[in-house]
């Protein structure tokens, strides 16, 4: 929404570094949502008694 507002008010779009930062934030968010669900393929087993 802020990009649309910035373009509309100031006729300005984000530069390359901003787009890379936006992509990085989106990729990390997707990665953390996958890991958080526990569906990420890994051989790690939870530690017994760690979550009380």
PDB file of N, CA and C in Angstrom:
ATOM      1  N   UNK A   1       0.818  -1.189   0.000  1.00  0.00           N
ATOM      2  CA  UNK A   1       0.000   0.000   0.000  1.00  0.00           C
ATOM      3  C   UNK A   1       0.865   1.257   0.000  1.00  0.00           C
ATOM      4  N   UNK A   2       1.977   1.226   0.750  1.00  0.00           N
ATOM      5  CA  UNK A   2       2.830   2.403   0.819  1.00  0.00           C
ATOM      6  C   UNK A   2       3.496   2.696  -0.524  1.00  0.00           C
ATOM      7  N   UNK A   3       3.802   1.635  -1.288  1.00  0.00           N
ATOM      8  CA  UNK A   3       4.405   1.854  -2.611  1.00  0.00           C
ATOM      9  C   UNK A   3       3.411   2.548  -3.540  1.00  0.00           C
ATOM     10  N   UNK A   4       2.160   2.127  -3.468  1.00  0.00           N
ATOM     11  CA  UNK A   4       1.129   2.748  -4.306  1.00  0.00           C
ATOM     12  C   UNK A   4       0.933   4.202  -3.907  1.00  0.00           C
ATOM     13  N   UNK A   5       0.888   4.452  -2.609  1.00  0.00           N
ATOM     14  CA  UNK A   5       0.713   5.820  -2.129  1.00  0.00           C
ATOM     15  C   UNK A   5       1.920   6.687  -2.492  1.00  0.00           C
ATOM     16  N   UNK A   6       3.121   6.150  -2.345  1.00  0.00           N
ATOM     17  CA  UNK A   6       4.314   6.903  -2.713  1.00  0.00           C
ATOM     18  C   UNK A   6       4.368   7.209  -4.197  1.00  0.00           C
ATOM     19  N   UNK A   7       3.959   6.259  -5.007  1.00  0.00           N
ATOM     20  CA  UNK A   7       3.927   6.501  -6.454  1.00  0.00           C
ATOM     21  C   UNK A   7       2.862   7.527  -6.803  1.00  0.00           C
ATOM     22  N   UNK A   8       1.719   7.414  -6.151  1.00  0.00           N
ATOM     23  CA  UNK A   8       0.603   8.307  -6.460  1.00  0.00           C
ATOM     24  C   UNK A   8       0.903   9.740  -6.018  1.00  0.00           C
ATOM     25  N   UNK A   9       1.478   9.898  -4.819  1.00  0.00           N
ATOM     26  CA  UNK A   9       1.736  11.242  -4.316  1.00  0.00           C
ATOM     27  C   UNK A   9       3.016  11.872  -4.865  1.00  0.00           C
ATOM     28  N   UNK A  10       4.074  11.067  -5.003  1.00  0.00           N
ATOM     29  CA  UNK A  10       5.383  11.617  -5.336  1.00  0.00           C
ATOM     30  C   UNK A  10       5.941  11.132  -6.668  1.00  0.00           C
ATOM     31  N   UNK A  11       5.195  10.254  -7.371  1.00  0.00           N
ATOM     32  CA  UNK A  11       5.648   9.701  -8.642  1.00  0.00           C
ATOM     33  C   UNK A  11       7.024   9.055  -8.486  1.00  0.00           C
ATOM     34  N   UNK A  12       7.165   8.251  -7.426  1.00  0.00           N
ATOM     35  CA  UNK A  12       8.443   7.644  -7.087  1.00  0.00           C
ATOM     36  C   UNK A  12       8.241   6.159  -6.794  1.00  0.00           C
ATOM     37  N   UNK A  13       9.116   5.315  -7.356  1.00  0.00           N
ATOM     38  CA  UNK A  13       9.073   3.885  -7.098  1.00  0.00           C
ATOM     39  C   UNK A  13      10.344   3.473  -6.351  1.00  0.00           C
ATOM     40  N   UNK A  14      10.299   2.363  -5.597  1.00  0.00           N
ATOM     41  CA  UNK A  14      11.487   1.892  -4.888  1.00  0.00           C
ATOM     42  C   UNK A  14      12.619   1.543  -5.865  1.00  0.00           C
ATOM     43  N   UNK A  15      13.872   1.726  -5.401  1.00  0.00           N
ATOM     44  CA  UNK A  15      15.019   1.383  -6.232  1.00  0.00           C
ATOM     45  C   UNK A  15      15.347  -0.104  -6.089  1.00  0.00           C
ATOM     46  N   UNK A  16      16.436  -0.510  -6.714  1.00  0.00           N
ATOM     47  CA  UNK A  16      16.809  -1.926  -6.735  1.00  0.00           C
ATOM     48  C   UNK A  16      17.058  -2.471  -5.339  1.00  0.00           C
ATOM     49  N   UNK A  17      17.741  -1.716  -4.486  1.00  0.00           N
ATOM     50  CA  UNK A  17      18.032  -2.179  -3.121  1.00  0.00           C
ATOM     51  C   UNK A  17      16.755  -2.365  -2.313  1.00  0.00           C
ATOM     52  N   UNK A  18      15.795  -1.485  -2.523  1.00  0.00           N
ATOM     53  CA  UNK A  18      14.518  -1.621  -1.811  1.00  0.00           C
ATOM     54  C   UNK A  18      13.779  -2.873  -2.261  1.00  0.00           C
ATOM     55  N   UNK A  19      13.791  -3.147  -3.582  1.00  0.00           N
ATOM     56  CA  UNK A  19      13.132  -4.352  -4.084  1.00  0.00           C
ATOM     57  C   UNK A  19      13.809  -5.605  -3.548  1.00  0.00           C
ATOM     58  N   UNK A  20      15.150  -5.587  -3.456  1.00  0.00           N
ATOM     59  CA  UNK A  20      15.860  -6.733  -2.892  1.00  0.00           C
ATOM     60  C   UNK A  20      15.507  -6.925  -1.418  1.00  0.00           C
ATOM     61  N   UNK A  21      15.385  -5.835  -0.681  1.00  0.00           N
ATOM     62  CA  UNK A  21      14.987  -5.923   0.724  1.00  0.00           C
ATOM     63  C   UNK A  21      13.573  -6.453   0.891  1.00  0.00           C
ATOM     64  N   UNK A  22      12.678  -6.007   0.034  1.00  0.00           N
ATOM     65  CA  UNK A  22      11.297  -6.492   0.065  1.00  0.00           C
ATOM     66  C   UNK A  22      11.260  -7.986  -0.220  1.00  0.00           C
ATOM     67  N   UNK A  23      12.019  -8.420  -1.228  1.00  0.00           N
ATOM     68  CA  UNK A  23      12.063  -9.846  -1.567  1.00  0.00           C
ATOM     69  C   UNK A  23      12.651 -10.664  -0.427  1.00  0.00           C
ATOM     70  N   UNK A  24      13.688 -10.148   0.218  1.00  0.00           N
ATOM     71  CA  UNK A  24      14.301 -10.851   1.337  1.00  0.00           C
ATOM     72  C   UNK A  24      13.320 -11.027   2.487  1.00  0.00           C
ATOM     73  N   UNK A  25      12.575  -9.995   2.808  1.00  0.00           N
ATOM     74  CA  UNK A  25      11.589 -10.069   3.885  1.00  0.00           C
ATOM     75  C   UNK A  25      10.507 -11.088   3.554  1.00  0.00           C
ATOM     76  N   UNK A  26      10.044 -11.115   2.308  1.00  0.00           N
ATOM     77  CA  UNK A  26       9.009 -12.072   1.896  1.00  0.00           C
ATOM     78  C   UNK A  26       9.541 -13.495   1.959  1.00  0.00           C
ATOM     79  N   UNK A  27      10.771 -13.715   1.465  1.00  0.00           N
ATOM     80  CA  UNK A  27      11.353 -15.061   1.472  1.00  0.00           C
ATOM     81  C   UNK A  27      11.551 -15.561   2.890  1.00  0.00           C
ATOM     82  N   UNK A  28      12.056 -14.712   3.775  1.00  0.00           N
ATOM     83  CA  UNK A  28      12.260 -15.121   5.169  1.00  0.00           C
ATOM     84  C   UNK A  28      10.919 -15.405   5.838  1.00  0.00           C
ATOM     85  N   UNK A  29       9.909 -14.618   5.554  1.00  0.00           N
ATOM     86  CA  UNK A  29       8.585 -14.866   6.113  1.00  0.00           C
ATOM     87  C   UNK A  29       8.012 -16.192   5.673  1.00  0.00           C
ATOM     88  N   UNK A  30       8.166 -16.524   4.397  1.00  0.00           N
ATOM     89  CA  UNK A  30       7.690 -17.818   3.897  1.00  0.00           C
ATOM     90  C   UNK A  30       8.473 -18.951   4.543  1.00  0.00           C
ATOM     91  N   UNK A  31       9.801 -18.798   4.632  1.00  0.00           N
ATOM     92  CA  UNK A  31      10.634 -19.826   5.247  1.00  0.00           C
ATOM     93  C   UNK A  31      10.239 -20.065   6.702  1.00  0.00           C
ATOM     94  N   UNK A  32      10.045 -18.997   7.466  1.00  0.00           N
ATOM     95  CA  UNK A  32       9.683 -19.154   8.866  1.00  0.00           C
ATOM     96  C   UNK A  32       8.296 -19.749   9.041  1.00  0.00           C
ATOM     97  N   UNK A  33       7.386 -19.454   8.130  1.00  0.00           N
ATOM     98  CA  UNK A  33       6.055 -20.052   8.242  1.00  0.00           C
ATOM     99  C   UNK A  33       6.107 -21.548   7.953  1.00  0.00           C
ATOM    100  N   UNK A  34       6.983 -21.964   7.044  1.00  0.00           N
ATOM    101  CA  UNK A  34       7.122 -23.391   6.758  1.00  0.00           C
ATOM    102  C   UNK A  34       7.784 -24.097   7.928  1.00  0.00           C
ATOM    103  N   UNK A  35       8.842 -23.533   8.467  1.00  0.00           N
ATOM    104  CA  UNK A  35       9.545 -24.139   9.598  1.00  0.00           C
ATOM    105  C   UNK A  35       8.643 -24.160  10.826  1.00  0.00           C
ATOM    106  N   UNK A  36       7.859 -23.128  11.019  1.00  0.00           N
ATOM    107  CA  UNK A  36       6.977 -23.040  12.175  1.00  0.00           C
ATOM    108  C   UNK A  36       5.891 -24.102  12.175  1.00  0.00           C
ATOM    109  N   UNK A  37       5.470 -24.531  11.011  1.00  0.00           N
ATOM    110  CA  UNK A  37       4.459 -25.587  10.927  1.00  0.00           C
ATOM    111  C   UNK A  37       5.052 -26.959  11.159  1.00  0.00           C
ATOM    112  N   UNK A  38       6.376 -27.065  11.071  1.00  0.00           N
ATOM    113  CA  UNK A  38       7.014 -28.343  11.271  1.00  0.00           C
ATOM    114  C   UNK A  38       7.004 -29.214  10.038  1.00  0.00           C
ATOM    115  N   UNK A  39       6.728 -28.627   8.874  1.00  0.00           N
ATOM    116  CA  UNK A  39       6.699 -29.417   7.654  1.00  0.00           C
ATOM    117  C   UNK A  39       8.002 -29.320   6.880  1.00  0.00           C
ATOM    118  N   UNK A  40       8.968 -28.584   7.406  1.00  0.00           N
ATOM    119  CA  UNK A  40      10.250 -28.460   6.733  1.00  0.00           C
ATOM    120  C   UNK A  40      11.009 -29.777   6.883  1.00  0.00           C
ATOM    121  N   UNK A  41      11.497 -30.351   5.800  1.00  0.00           N
ATOM    122  CA  UNK A  41      12.157 -31.651   5.892  1.00  0.00           C
ATOM    123  C   UNK A  41      13.481 -31.565   6.654  1.00  0.00           C
ATOM    124  N   UNK A  42      13.539 -32.214   7.792  1.00  0.00           N
ATOM    125  CA  UNK A  42      14.780 -32.252   8.555  1.00  0.00           C
ATOM    126  C   UNK A  42      14.823 -33.549   9.347  1.00  0.00           C
ATOM    127  N   UNK A  43      16.021 -33.955   9.708  1.00  0.00           N
ATOM    128  CA  UNK A  43      16.194 -35.179  10.462  1.00  0.00           C
ATOM    129  C   UNK A  43      16.190 -34.941  11.961  1.00  0.00           C
ATOM    130  N   UNK A  44      15.952 -33.716  12.383  1.00  0.00           N
ATOM    131  CA  UNK A  44      15.978 -33.397  13.808  1.00  0.00           C
ATOM    132  C   UNK A  44      14.723 -33.903  14.510  1.00  0.00           C
ATOM    133  N   UNK A  45      14.913 -34.436  15.693  1.00  0.00           N
ATOM    134  CA  UNK A  45      13.808 -34.896  16.514  1.00  0.00           C
ATOM    135  C   UNK A  45      13.688 -33.964  17.720  1.00  0.00           C
ATOM    136  N   UNK A  46      12.477 -33.715  18.191  1.00  0.00           N
ATOM    137  CA  UNK A  46      12.332 -32.843  19.354  1.00  0.00           C
ATOM    138  C   UNK A  46      12.927 -33.499  20.599  1.00  0.00           C
ATOM    139  N   UNK A  47      13.414 -32.656  21.501  1.00  0.00           N
ATOM    140  CA  UNK A  47      14.013 -33.141  22.746  1.00  0.00           C
ATOM    141  C   UNK A  47      12.885 -33.468  23.719  1.00  0.00           C
ATOM    142  N   UNK A  48      12.918 -34.661  24.284  1.00  0.00           N
ATOM    143  CA  UNK A  48      11.873 -35.101  25.211  1.00  0.00           C
ATOM    144  C   UNK A  48      11.896 -34.218  26.458  1.00  0.00           C
ATOM    145  N   UNK A  49      10.744 -33.706  26.827  1.00  0.00           N
ATOM    146  CA  UNK A  49      10.621 -32.882  28.025  1.00  0.00           C
ATOM    147  C   UNK A  49      11.017 -31.433  27.842  1.00  0.00           C
ATOM    148  N   UNK A  50      11.353 -31.024  26.628  1.00  0.00           N
ATOM    149  CA  UNK A  50      11.783 -29.656  26.405  1.00  0.00           C
ATOM    150  C   UNK A  50      10.613 -28.674  26.441  1.00  0.00           C
ATOM    151  N   UNK A  51       9.437 -29.117  26.059  1.00  0.00           N
ATOM    152  CA  UNK A  51       8.247 -28.240  26.014  1.00  0.00           C
ATOM    153  C   UNK A  51       7.286 -28.660  27.104  1.00  0.00           C
ATOM    154  N   UNK A  52       7.358 -28.007  28.225  1.00  0.00           N
ATOM    155  CA  UNK A  52       6.458 -28.335  29.334  1.00  0.00           C
ATOM    156  C   UNK A  52       5.431 -27.280  29.529  1.00  0.00           C
TER     157      UNK A  52
END
